[in-house]
N, C-alpha and C. Protein backbone atom coordinates (compact mmCIF):
# COMPACT_ATOMS: atom_id res chain seq x y z
N MET A 1 4.84 20.98 25.59
CA MET A 1 4.32 19.74 25.05
C MET A 1 5.11 19.34 23.80
N ILE A 2 5.36 20.28 22.91
CA ILE A 2 6.13 19.99 21.69
C ILE A 2 7.53 19.53 22.06
N LEU A 3 8.18 20.22 22.98
CA LEU A 3 9.54 19.84 23.37
C LEU A 3 9.58 18.41 23.89
N SER A 4 8.63 18.06 24.73
CA SER A 4 8.60 16.72 25.31
C SER A 4 8.35 15.64 24.27
N SER A 5 7.51 15.93 23.31
CA SER A 5 7.19 14.90 22.31
C SER A 5 8.29 14.74 21.27
N CYS A 6 9.15 15.73 21.12
CA CYS A 6 10.22 15.67 20.12
C CYS A 6 11.58 15.33 20.69
N SER A 7 11.72 15.34 22.00
CA SER A 7 13.04 15.17 22.60
C SER A 7 12.93 14.41 23.93
N THR A 8 13.62 13.29 24.02
CA THR A 8 13.62 12.56 25.29
C THR A 8 14.33 13.36 26.38
N TYR A 9 15.30 14.18 25.99
CA TYR A 9 15.99 15.05 26.94
C TYR A 9 14.99 15.97 27.63
N PHE A 10 14.17 16.67 26.84
CA PHE A 10 13.17 17.57 27.41
C PHE A 10 12.05 16.80 28.09
N GLU A 11 11.72 15.64 27.56
CA GLU A 11 10.67 14.83 28.18
C GLU A 11 11.05 14.47 29.62
N GLU A 12 12.31 14.06 29.82
CA GLU A 12 12.76 13.70 31.17
C GLU A 12 12.75 14.91 32.10
N ILE A 13 13.19 16.05 31.61
CA ILE A 13 13.22 17.26 32.44
C ILE A 13 11.81 17.73 32.78
N LEU A 14 10.93 17.71 31.80
CA LEU A 14 9.60 18.29 31.98
C LEU A 14 8.56 17.32 32.52
N SER A 15 8.90 16.05 32.67
CA SER A 15 7.91 15.06 33.09
C SER A 15 7.38 15.31 34.50
N GLY A 16 8.18 15.90 35.37
CA GLY A 16 7.73 16.15 36.73
C GLY A 16 7.17 17.55 36.95
N ILE A 17 7.01 18.30 35.89
CA ILE A 17 6.55 19.69 35.99
C ILE A 17 5.03 19.74 35.88
N THR A 18 4.40 20.49 36.76
CA THR A 18 2.95 20.68 36.68
C THR A 18 2.64 21.83 35.73
N PRO A 19 1.42 21.89 35.22
CA PRO A 19 1.06 22.98 34.30
C PRO A 19 1.20 24.38 34.91
N LEU A 20 1.21 24.46 36.22
CA LEU A 20 1.32 25.77 36.86
C LEU A 20 2.76 26.23 37.02
N GLN A 21 3.70 25.33 36.82
CA GLN A 21 5.11 25.69 36.93
C GLN A 21 5.63 26.18 35.58
N HIS A 22 6.59 27.06 35.63
CA HIS A 22 7.19 27.63 34.41
C HIS A 22 8.71 27.55 34.54
N PRO A 23 9.27 26.37 34.25
CA PRO A 23 10.71 26.20 34.45
C PRO A 23 11.54 26.96 33.41
N VAL A 24 12.74 27.29 33.80
CA VAL A 24 13.72 27.89 32.89
C VAL A 24 14.79 26.84 32.67
N ILE A 25 15.01 26.49 31.42
CA ILE A 25 16.00 25.48 31.07
C ILE A 25 17.17 26.19 30.40
N ILE A 26 18.36 26.02 30.96
CA ILE A 26 19.55 26.65 30.42
C ILE A 26 20.45 25.57 29.85
N LEU A 27 20.78 25.70 28.59
CA LEU A 27 21.70 24.76 27.94
C LEU A 27 23.02 25.49 27.72
N LYS A 28 23.89 25.41 28.71
CA LYS A 28 25.16 26.14 28.67
C LYS A 28 25.97 25.73 27.45
N GLY A 29 26.54 26.73 26.81
CA GLY A 29 27.41 26.49 25.67
C GLY A 29 26.68 26.24 24.36
N THR A 30 25.36 26.31 24.38
CA THR A 30 24.60 26.11 23.15
C THR A 30 24.18 27.46 22.59
N PRO A 31 24.65 27.78 21.39
CA PRO A 31 24.31 29.08 20.80
C PRO A 31 22.80 29.21 20.54
N PHE A 32 22.33 30.44 20.62
CA PHE A 32 20.91 30.72 20.40
C PHE A 32 20.44 30.22 19.05
N TRP A 33 21.24 30.42 18.00
CA TRP A 33 20.81 30.04 16.65
C TRP A 33 20.52 28.54 16.56
N ILE A 34 21.26 27.73 17.32
CA ILE A 34 21.01 26.29 17.30
C ILE A 34 19.68 25.97 17.97
N LEU A 35 19.44 26.55 19.13
CA LEU A 35 18.16 26.32 19.82
C LEU A 35 16.99 26.76 18.97
N LYS A 36 17.12 27.93 18.36
CA LYS A 36 16.05 28.44 17.51
C LYS A 36 15.81 27.50 16.32
N ALA A 37 16.88 27.07 15.69
CA ALA A 37 16.75 26.17 14.53
C ALA A 37 16.09 24.85 14.93
N LEU A 38 16.48 24.30 16.07
CA LEU A 38 15.90 23.03 16.51
C LEU A 38 14.43 23.18 16.90
N ILE A 39 14.09 24.25 17.58
CA ILE A 39 12.69 24.48 17.94
C ILE A 39 11.85 24.74 16.69
N ASP A 40 12.39 25.50 15.75
CA ASP A 40 11.69 25.70 14.47
C ASP A 40 11.45 24.36 13.79
N PHE A 41 12.45 23.48 13.83
CA PHE A 41 12.30 22.16 13.22
C PHE A 41 11.21 21.35 13.93
N MET A 42 11.17 21.43 15.25
CA MET A 42 10.15 20.69 16.00
C MET A 42 8.74 21.14 15.61
N TYR A 43 8.57 22.42 15.37
CA TYR A 43 7.25 22.95 15.02
C TYR A 43 6.91 22.80 13.55
N ALA A 44 7.89 23.03 12.66
CA ALA A 44 7.60 23.09 11.23
C ALA A 44 8.05 21.85 10.46
N GLY A 45 8.96 21.06 11.05
CA GLY A 45 9.43 19.87 10.36
C GLY A 45 10.48 20.13 9.30
N GLU A 46 11.00 21.34 9.27
CA GLU A 46 12.07 21.66 8.32
C GLU A 46 13.04 22.64 8.95
N ILE A 47 14.21 22.71 8.37
CA ILE A 47 15.26 23.56 8.92
C ILE A 47 16.02 24.19 7.77
N ASN A 48 16.47 25.42 7.97
CA ASN A 48 17.20 26.13 6.93
C ASN A 48 18.41 26.80 7.56
N ILE A 49 19.59 26.18 7.41
CA ILE A 49 20.83 26.75 7.94
C ILE A 49 21.94 26.57 6.91
N ASP A 50 23.03 27.28 7.10
CA ASP A 50 24.20 27.11 6.25
C ASP A 50 24.76 25.71 6.44
N GLN A 51 25.21 25.11 5.36
CA GLN A 51 25.72 23.75 5.42
C GLN A 51 26.93 23.63 6.35
N ASN A 52 27.74 24.68 6.42
CA ASN A 52 28.93 24.62 7.28
C ASN A 52 28.58 24.64 8.77
N LYS A 53 27.35 25.00 9.12
CA LYS A 53 26.91 25.00 10.52
C LYS A 53 26.24 23.69 10.91
N LEU A 54 26.02 22.83 9.93
CA LEU A 54 25.29 21.58 10.18
C LEU A 54 25.96 20.68 11.22
N PRO A 55 27.28 20.47 11.19
CA PRO A 55 27.88 19.59 12.21
C PRO A 55 27.63 20.06 13.65
N GLU A 56 27.72 21.36 13.89
CA GLU A 56 27.48 21.89 15.24
C GLU A 56 26.03 21.67 15.66
N LEU A 57 25.11 21.90 14.73
CA LEU A 57 23.69 21.69 15.01
C LEU A 57 23.41 20.22 15.29
N LEU A 58 24.00 19.33 14.51
CA LEU A 58 23.77 17.90 14.71
C LEU A 58 24.33 17.41 16.04
N ASP A 59 25.43 17.99 16.49
CA ASP A 59 25.98 17.62 17.80
C ASP A 59 24.98 17.92 18.92
N VAL A 60 24.38 19.10 18.88
CA VAL A 60 23.39 19.47 19.90
C VAL A 60 22.12 18.64 19.74
N ALA A 61 21.71 18.42 18.50
CA ALA A 61 20.51 17.60 18.25
C ALA A 61 20.69 16.20 18.83
N GLU A 62 21.89 15.66 18.71
CA GLU A 62 22.16 14.32 19.26
C GLU A 62 22.03 14.32 20.79
N LEU A 63 22.49 15.38 21.44
CA LEU A 63 22.37 15.48 22.90
C LEU A 63 20.92 15.58 23.35
N LEU A 64 20.10 16.24 22.55
CA LEU A 64 18.70 16.48 22.92
C LEU A 64 17.76 15.39 22.40
N LYS A 65 18.28 14.42 21.77
CA LYS A 65 17.52 13.35 21.13
C LYS A 65 16.30 12.93 21.91
């Protein structure tokens, strides 16, 4: 539910899923730390990463908009 409300990318993927289904979503080429940071942001509304990693994170965030 959080993923769908924060990301149109996830909303489109998950819109046809029933509550009984448990899909696995693989984002090839996306490092774990980026996914964790973005999911933490979706839940907490804040993010804490090194400034030099920000461009890579923003690239993925733009894709998942």
